[in-house]
Amino acid sequence: MGHQVVIFDFSVIRGLWETRVKKNKERQRKEKERLEQSALEKIKQEWNLILECRKKGIPQSKYLKNGFVDINEKNLDTPGKTPQLKKSHALSDGVNKEQNKFIFQLSGEQWTELPDSLKEQIYLKEWHVYNTLIQTIPAYIALFQDLRVLELSKNQINHLPAEIGCLKNLKMLNVSFNNLKSVPPELGDCENLEKLDLSGNMEITELPFELSNLKQLTFVDVSANKFHSIPICVLRMSNLQWLDISSNNLKDLPEDIDRLDELQTLLLQKNKLTYLPRALVNMPKLGLLVVSGDDLVEIPTAVCESTTGLKFVSLKDSLVERIVCEDTEEIKESEREREQVEKEFMKAYIEDLRERESTPSYTTKVMLSLQL
């Protein structure tokens, strides 16, 4: 018995599918046109361009027209089409590379001393050495006559060489959270110094009188040390705007503190002050005064009056009982860590005060008790 074979006209089937394909393509075209004309698609295109601008470092404002991004602008970094932008990026990269040639950076506890090759790079303008076990700064630092920034925070440095006074162009010196017990008088020869940070060394008790020569200083931080009074040299820094001498052993302030007539911020918290001198009222630019209020028994009324424009902040010291014991390295390190946390807190607090337009002129009993 034979089988029946059904024969179809394939031209009819092909015609049917071609018709369906055409209809589907037409439907897709209309959907695409609808999306292109919709606000959603414009927003999507806008965000895509904004992200592209951010990724390539192109100012977004260049492509804004009437509040919408001009998606027809052909200024993105397309190969062969934007030689001017490429040239700009190449120039920017070149400048960054050129600047990096003058900056020395070193970090990590594997470093116990500075590399020998450093002495050959006397053209450097900045040193950034932090979180190492380095204990000494070599005398050959005197060769770095172009040095502007000397960042040496969070190391194990126990003294600064006298040769540091040869750095006539130095503008910023940060030796915070090291093991310094004194400061060389030769530092007073760095006549262009603008910022000095000696905080967190825990053992500095005095500053040499020669630092009176630093007339360009606007920022001094000697917090978390063992000062019993504000150093005389500090009172002679005529351009000083910021003084942080918190976390020391101050029992009183000098009556002539108003000699600092450019001072804007004075941080005194965590000391042993029992009174504040009336001379504070005579400091015309003093805008922020922070003290610890637990031991204060006398405060000039004028200091708290809102008419002076002075923001007076009284912080409450931690009520945690102090344990009297020998100074071990573990205790000292724990104290350093706590001071670092508290300094970050105070920095954020002060920034918040400055940013708020309606800052209260008087704040009392704010708990500052941070423990690790």
Protein backbone atom coordinates (compact mmCIF):
# COMPACT_ATOMS: atom_id res chain seq x y z
CA MET A 1 0.00 0.00 0.00
CA GLY A 2 1.39 3.39 -0.90
CA HIS A 3 1.47 6.55 1.29
CA GLN A 4 -0.28 9.79 0.42
CA VAL A 5 1.99 12.81 0.16
CA VAL A 6 0.52 16.28 0.75
CA ILE A 7 2.15 18.93 -1.41
CA PHE A 8 1.96 22.64 -0.29
CA ASP A 9 2.61 25.78 -2.28
CA PHE A 10 5.67 27.18 -0.44
CA SER A 11 5.28 30.58 -2.11
CA VAL A 12 2.02 31.08 -0.21
CA ILE A 13 3.66 30.27 3.13
CA ARG A 14 6.58 32.58 2.41
CA GLY A 15 4.21 35.42 1.55
CA LEU A 16 2.31 34.91 4.81
CA TRP A 17 5.48 35.15 6.93
CA GLU A 18 6.79 38.15 5.05
CA THR A 19 3.54 39.96 5.79
CA ARG A 20 3.82 39.12 9.49
CA VAL A 21 7.47 40.26 9.62
CA LYS A 22 6.57 43.59 7.98
CA LYS A 23 3.78 44.19 10.46
CA ASN A 24 6.08 43.36 13.38
CA LYS A 25 8.81 45.72 12.12
CA GLU A 26 6.25 48.49 11.64
CA ARG A 27 4.99 47.92 15.18
CA GLN A 28 8.57 48.11 16.54
CA ARG A 29 9.27 51.28 14.56
CA LYS A 30 6.17 53.01 15.94
CA GLU A 31 7.06 51.92 19.51
CA LYS A 32 10.57 53.29 19.08
CA GLU A 33 9.22 56.61 17.82
CA ARG A 34 6.81 56.77 20.73
CA LEU A 35 9.59 56.16 23.26
CA GLU A 36 11.86 58.71 21.60
CA GLN A 37 9.13 61.33 21.92
CA SER A 38 8.26 60.43 25.51
CA ALA A 39 9.61 62.29 28.57
CA LEU A 40 10.88 59.01 30.01
CA GLU A 41 13.27 58.51 27.14
CA LYS A 42 14.51 62.09 27.41
CA ILE A 43 15.21 61.59 31.08
CA LYS A 44 17.04 58.35 30.31
CA GLN A 45 19.16 60.08 27.67
CA GLU A 46 19.83 62.94 30.05
CA TRP A 47 21.08 60.65 32.80
CA ASN A 48 23.18 58.62 30.40
CA LEU A 49 24.93 61.78 29.28
CA ILE A 50 25.36 63.03 32.84
CA LEU A 51 26.98 59.73 33.84
CA GLU A 52 29.19 59.89 30.77
CA CYS A 53 30.21 63.45 31.65
CA ARG A 54 31.10 62.46 35.20
CA LYS A 55 33.04 59.43 34.05
CA LYS A 56 35.09 61.44 31.59
CA GLY A 57 35.44 64.51 33.81
CA ILE A 58 33.53 66.85 31.47
CA PRO A 59 31.68 69.80 33.09
CA GLN A 60 28.01 68.98 32.94
CA SER A 61 26.99 72.64 32.59
CA LYS A 62 28.38 72.73 29.04
CA TYR A 63 25.55 70.56 27.78
CA LEU A 64 22.54 72.13 29.46
CA LYS A 65 20.00 74.05 27.40
CA ASN A 66 16.83 75.40 28.96
CA GLY A 67 17.03 72.88 31.78
CA PHE A 68 17.47 69.84 29.51
CA VAL A 69 20.60 68.12 28.37
CA ASP A 70 21.42 68.76 24.72
CA ILE A 71 21.75 65.18 23.49
CA ASN A 72 22.87 66.36 20.08
CA GLU A 73 26.08 67.84 21.49
CA LYS A 74 29.02 65.89 20.07
CA ASN A 75 31.56 66.79 22.72
CA LEU A 76 32.05 63.40 24.34
CA ASP A 77 35.31 61.59 24.05
CA THR A 78 34.62 59.73 20.78
CA PRO A 79 37.72 58.48 18.94
CA GLY A 80 38.59 60.64 15.94
CA LYS A 81 35.76 63.12 16.51
CA THR A 82 36.88 65.24 19.48
CA PRO A 83 40.53 66.19 19.11
CA GLN A 84 40.10 69.35 21.20
CA LEU A 85 38.63 67.46 24.15
CA LYS A 86 41.25 64.75 23.85
CA LYS A 87 43.89 67.42 23.86
CA SER A 88 42.35 68.94 26.98
CA HIS A 89 42.28 65.58 28.75
CA ALA A 90 45.84 64.85 27.71
CA LEU A 91 46.91 68.24 29.03
CA SER A 92 45.11 67.64 32.33
CA ASP A 93 46.68 64.20 32.72
CA GLY A 94 50.04 65.69 31.87
CA VAL A 95 49.65 68.37 34.54
CA ASN A 96 48.66 65.77 37.15
CA LYS A 97 51.62 63.58 36.27
CA GLU A 98 53.91 66.59 36.40
CA GLN A 99 52.59 67.57 39.83
CA ASN A 100 52.94 64.01 41.14
CA LYS A 101 56.63 64.12 40.30
CA PHE A 102 57.05 66.64 43.11
CA ILE A 103 55.13 64.65 45.75
CA PHE A 104 56.64 61.87 47.88
CA GLN A 105 54.22 59.47 49.60
CA LEU A 106 55.02 56.66 52.00
CA SER A 107 52.81 54.62 54.35
CA GLY A 108 52.69 51.22 55.97
CA GLU A 109 54.20 49.65 59.09
CA GLN A 110 56.81 47.81 57.04
CA TRP A 111 58.76 51.10 56.85
CA THR A 112 61.11 51.74 59.77
CA GLU A 113 63.24 54.36 58.02
CA LEU A 114 63.07 56.54 54.94
CA PRO A 115 64.48 55.03 51.71
CA ASP A 116 68.04 56.06 50.81
CA SER A 117 66.96 57.14 47.33
CA LEU A 118 64.93 59.97 48.85
CA LYS A 119 68.02 62.13 49.40
CA GLU A 120 68.51 62.31 45.63
CA GLN A 121 65.06 63.85 45.03
CA ILE A 122 65.70 67.28 46.50
CA TYR A 123 63.34 68.87 43.98
CA LEU A 124 60.32 67.49 45.91
CA LYS A 125 57.72 69.98 47.13
CA GLU A 126 55.67 67.70 49.39
CA TRP A 127 56.32 64.81 51.75
CA HIS A 128 53.39 62.66 52.91
CA VAL A 129 54.66 60.02 55.35
CA TYR A 130 52.07 58.46 57.65
CA ASN A 131 51.22 55.27 59.53
CA THR A 132 54.82 53.99 59.54
CA LEU A 133 57.28 52.93 62.25
CA ILE A 134 59.82 55.61 61.26
CA GLN A 135 61.40 57.22 64.34
CA THR A 136 63.80 59.82 62.94
CA ILE A 137 63.87 62.42 60.20
CA PRO A 138 67.37 62.59 58.65
CA ALA A 139 69.45 65.77 58.66
CA TYR A 140 69.59 65.79 54.85
CA ILE A 141 66.07 67.23 54.92
CA ALA A 142 67.89 70.59 54.79
CA LEU A 143 68.58 69.93 51.10
CA PHE A 144 64.87 70.10 50.19
CA GLN A 145 64.73 73.85 49.70
CA ASP A 146 61.53 73.69 47.60
CA LEU A 147 59.57 71.77 50.24
CA ARG A 148 56.15 73.34 50.90
CA VAL A 149 54.29 70.57 52.76
CA LEU A 150 55.76 68.22 55.37
CA GLU A 151 53.07 65.73 56.42
CA LEU A 152 54.46 63.31 59.02
CA SER A 153 51.41 62.30 61.03
CA LYS A 154 50.86 58.97 62.84
CA ASN A 155 54.43 57.68 62.85
CA GLN A 156 56.88 56.96 65.70
CA ILE A 157 59.01 60.11 65.32
CA ASN A 158 60.67 61.04 68.61
CA HIS A 159 62.50 64.23 67.58
CA LEU A 160 62.82 66.74 64.77
CA PRO A 161 66.30 67.65 63.48
CA ALA A 162 67.60 71.19 63.83
CA GLU A 163 68.08 71.21 60.05
CA ILE A 164 64.32 71.62 59.65
CA GLY A 165 64.95 75.34 60.13
CA CYS A 166 66.57 75.42 56.67
CA LEU A 167 63.20 74.90 54.99
CA LYS A 168 62.53 78.57 54.28
CA ASN A 169 59.62 77.85 51.90
CA LEU A 170 57.79 75.42 54.17
CA LYS A 171 54.11 76.35 54.59
CA MET A 172 52.62 73.36 56.40
CA LEU A 173 54.14 71.09 59.05
CA ASN A 174 52.09 68.24 60.51
CA VAL A 175 53.84 66.01 63.08
CA SER A 176 50.68 65.01 64.92
CA PHE A 177 50.34 61.72 66.81
CA ASN A 178 54.03 60.90 67.07
CA ASN A 179 56.32 60.63 70.12
CA LEU A 180 57.74 64.15 70.24
CA LYS A 181 58.68 65.60 73.62
CA SER A 182 60.05 68.91 72.37
CA VAL A 183 60.33 71.12 69.31
CA PRO A 184 63.68 72.47 68.03
CA PRO A 185 64.04 76.27 68.29
CA GLU A 186 65.34 76.27 64.70
CA LEU A 187 61.74 75.74 63.57
CA GLY A 188 61.34 79.47 64.18
CA ASP A 189 63.47 80.07 61.06
CA CYS A 190 60.71 78.65 58.83
CA GLU A 191 59.40 82.18 58.35
CA ASN A 192 56.76 81.25 55.75
CA LEU A 193 55.09 78.56 57.85
CA GLU A 194 51.29 78.95 57.85
CA LYS A 195 50.04 75.77 59.53
CA LEU A 196 51.59 73.89 62.47
CA ASP A 197 50.08 70.70 63.89
CA LEU A 198 51.76 69.10 66.92
CA SER A 199 48.67 67.45 68.35
CA GLY A 200 48.55 64.01 69.92
CA ASN A 201 52.22 63.72 70.93
CA MET A 202 51.10 63.50 74.57
CA GLU A 203 54.43 64.71 76.03
CA ILE A 204 55.16 68.24 74.76
CA THR A 205 55.12 70.72 77.66
CA GLU A 206 56.52 73.90 76.08
CA LEU A 207 57.36 75.59 72.80
CA PRO A 208 60.62 77.48 72.25
CA PHE A 209 60.40 81.27 72.30
CA GLU A 210 62.01 81.37 68.83
CA LEU A 211 58.67 80.31 67.35
CA SER A 212 57.57 83.92 67.95
CA ASN A 213 59.18 84.63 64.56
CA LEU A 214 56.46 82.66 62.78
CA LYS A 215 54.34 85.69 61.89
CA GLN A 216 52.61 83.96 58.97
CA LEU A 217 51.08 81.21 61.09
CA THR A 218 47.28 81.15 60.94
CA PHE A 219 46.68 77.64 62.34
CA VAL A 220 48.23 76.06 65.45
CA ASP A 221 47.11 72.74 66.95
CA VAL A 222 48.92 71.61 70.09
CA SER A 223 46.04 69.59 71.56
CA ALA A 224 46.56 66.33 73.48
CA ASN A 225 49.89 67.28 75.06
CA LYS A 226 50.95 68.49 78.51
CA PHE A 227 50.92 72.28 78.32
CA HIS A 228 50.26 74.04 81.65
CA SER A 229 49.76 77.41 79.98
CA ILE A 230 49.51 78.94 76.53
CA PRO A 231 53.12 79.36 75.34
CA ILE A 232 54.41 82.93 75.16
CA CYS A 233 55.48 82.43 71.56
CA VAL A 234 51.88 81.63 70.60
CA LEU A 235 50.69 84.93 72.05
CA ARG A 236 53.12 86.68 69.70
CA MET A 237 51.79 85.03 66.54
CA SER A 238 49.98 88.10 65.28
CA ASN A 239 48.14 86.44 62.37
CA LEU A 240 46.87 83.40 64.28
CA GLN A 241 43.25 82.54 63.42
CA TRP A 242 42.84 79.01 64.84
CA LEU A 243 44.26 77.77 68.14
CA ASP A 244 43.49 74.30 69.48
CA ILE A 245 45.06 73.70 72.88
CA SER A 246 42.43 71.27 74.14
CA SER A 247 43.26 68.13 76.15
CA ASN A 248 46.14 69.68 78.05
CA ASN A 249 46.70 70.78 81.67
CA LEU A 250 45.71 74.45 81.45
CA LYS A 251 44.53 75.91 84.75
CA ASP A 252 44.09 79.48 83.56
CA LEU A 253 44.42 81.72 80.52
CA PRO A 254 46.78 84.71 80.28
CA GLU A 255 45.16 88.09 80.92
CA ASP A 256 46.72 89.42 77.73
CA ILE A 257 45.20 86.73 75.51
CA ASP A 258 43.47 89.54 73.61
CA ARG A 259 46.81 90.18 71.92
CA LEU A 260 45.60 87.53 69.47
CA ASP A 261 43.29 90.03 67.80
CA GLU A 262 43.02 87.95 64.59
CA LEU A 263 41.96 84.77 66.41
CA GLN A 264 38.65 83.33 65.18
CA THR A 265 38.50 79.87 66.82
CA LEU A 266 39.75 78.92 70.28
CA LEU A 267 39.39 75.31 71.48
CA LEU A 268 40.02 74.83 75.21
CA GLN A 269 37.97 71.76 76.13
CA LYS A 270 39.36 69.00 78.34
CA ASN A 271 41.60 71.24 80.46
CA LYS A 272 41.41 72.27 84.13
CA LEU A 273 40.21 75.84 83.70
CA THR A 274 38.26 77.31 86.62
CA TYR A 275 37.59 80.74 85.10
CA LEU A 276 37.77 82.65 81.83
CA PRO A 277 39.37 86.12 81.67
CA ARG A 278 37.29 89.11 80.62
CA ALA A 279 39.94 89.82 77.96
CA LEU A 280 38.14 87.33 75.72
CA VAL A 281 35.46 89.96 75.16
CA ASN A 282 38.10 92.26 73.65
CA MET A 283 38.92 89.86 70.82
CA PRO A 284 36.92 91.31 67.92
CA LYS A 285 37.18 88.35 65.52
CA LEU A 286 36.72 85.51 68.00
CA GLY A 287 33.70 83.62 66.66
CA LEU A 288 33.90 80.22 68.39
CA LEU A 289 35.01 79.40 71.92
CA VAL A 290 34.82 75.80 73.17
CA VAL A 291 35.53 74.92 76.80
CA SER A 292 34.79 72.15 79.29
CA GLY A 293 32.27 73.38 81.80
CA ASP A 294 32.64 71.04 84.75
CA ASP A 295 35.40 72.98 86.56
CA LEU A 296 34.41 76.50 85.52
CA VAL A 297 33.21 78.63 88.42
CA GLU A 298 33.52 82.05 86.76
CA ILE A 299 32.58 83.10 83.25
CA PRO A 300 32.31 86.75 82.16
CA THR A 301 28.66 87.50 81.44
CA ALA A 302 29.58 89.27 78.20
CA VAL A 303 31.05 86.05 76.81
CA CYS A 304 27.63 84.41 76.91
CA GLU A 305 25.70 87.36 75.52
CA SER A 306 24.46 86.91 71.98
CA THR A 307 25.24 90.55 71.17
CA THR A 308 28.95 89.76 70.95
CA GLY A 309 28.45 87.35 68.03
CA LEU A 310 30.56 84.78 69.86
CA LYS A 311 29.41 81.17 69.77
CA PHE A 312 30.18 79.87 73.25
CA VAL A 313 30.08 76.10 73.62
CA SER A 314 30.47 74.45 77.01
CA LEU A 315 31.18 70.73 76.80
CA LYS A 316 30.67 68.30 79.64
CA ASP A 317 33.74 66.18 80.34
CA SER A 318 33.50 62.41 80.53
CA LEU A 319 32.41 61.19 83.96
CA VAL A 320 34.32 57.96 83.57
CA GLU A 321 36.60 57.50 86.55
CA ARG A 322 40.25 58.10 85.76
CA ILE A 323 42.56 55.26 86.71
CA VAL A 324 45.91 56.31 88.15
CA CYS A 325 48.62 53.96 86.99
CA GLU A 326 52.00 53.87 85.30
CA ASP A 327 52.36 55.21 81.76
CA THR A 328 52.63 52.06 79.70
CA GLU A 329 52.78 52.03 75.92
CA GLU A 330 49.36 50.36 75.76
CA ILE A 331 47.72 53.07 77.86
CA LYS A 332 49.38 55.83 75.85
CA GLU A 333 48.35 54.28 72.54
CA SER A 334 44.76 53.87 73.75
CA GLU A 335 44.72 57.53 74.79
CA ARG A 336 46.02 58.56 71.37
CA GLU A 337 43.29 56.59 69.63
CA ARG A 338 40.63 58.19 71.82
CA GLU A 339 42.03 61.64 71.12
CA GLN A 340 41.95 60.97 67.39
CA VAL A 341 38.29 59.97 67.55
CA GLU A 342 37.41 63.02 69.64
CA LYS A 343 39.27 65.34 67.30
CA GLU A 344 37.32 63.96 64.35
CA PHE A 345 34.12 64.47 66.31
CA MET A 346 35.00 68.08 67.15
CA LYS A 347 35.98 68.79 63.57
CA ALA A 348 32.61 67.53 62.31
CA TYR A 349 30.81 69.42 65.08
CA ILE A 350 32.50 72.71 64.22
CA GLU A 351 31.86 72.26 60.51
CA ASP A 352 28.19 71.67 61.30
CA LEU A 353 28.07 74.84 63.40
CA ARG A 354 29.50 76.86 60.57
CA GLU A 355 27.20 75.41 57.93
CA ARG A 356 24.00 76.07 59.84
CA GLU A 357 22.75 79.60 59.32
CA SER A 358 20.75 79.70 62.54
CA THR A 359 23.48 78.55 64.91
CA PRO A 360 22.54 79.14 68.55
CA SER A 361 24.86 81.62 70.23
CA TYR A 362 24.97 79.60 73.45
CA THR A 363 24.99 75.84 73.94
CA THR A 364 25.45 74.25 77.33
CA LYS A 365 26.32 70.81 78.66
CA VAL A 366 26.91 68.82 75.52
CA MET A 367 28.20 65.36 76.45
CA LEU A 368 31.57 64.54 74.91
CA SER A 369 32.40 61.04 76.09
CA LEU A 370 33.95 58.84 73.44
CA GLN A 371 35.62 55.61 74.40
CA LEU A 372 37.15 52.86 72.29
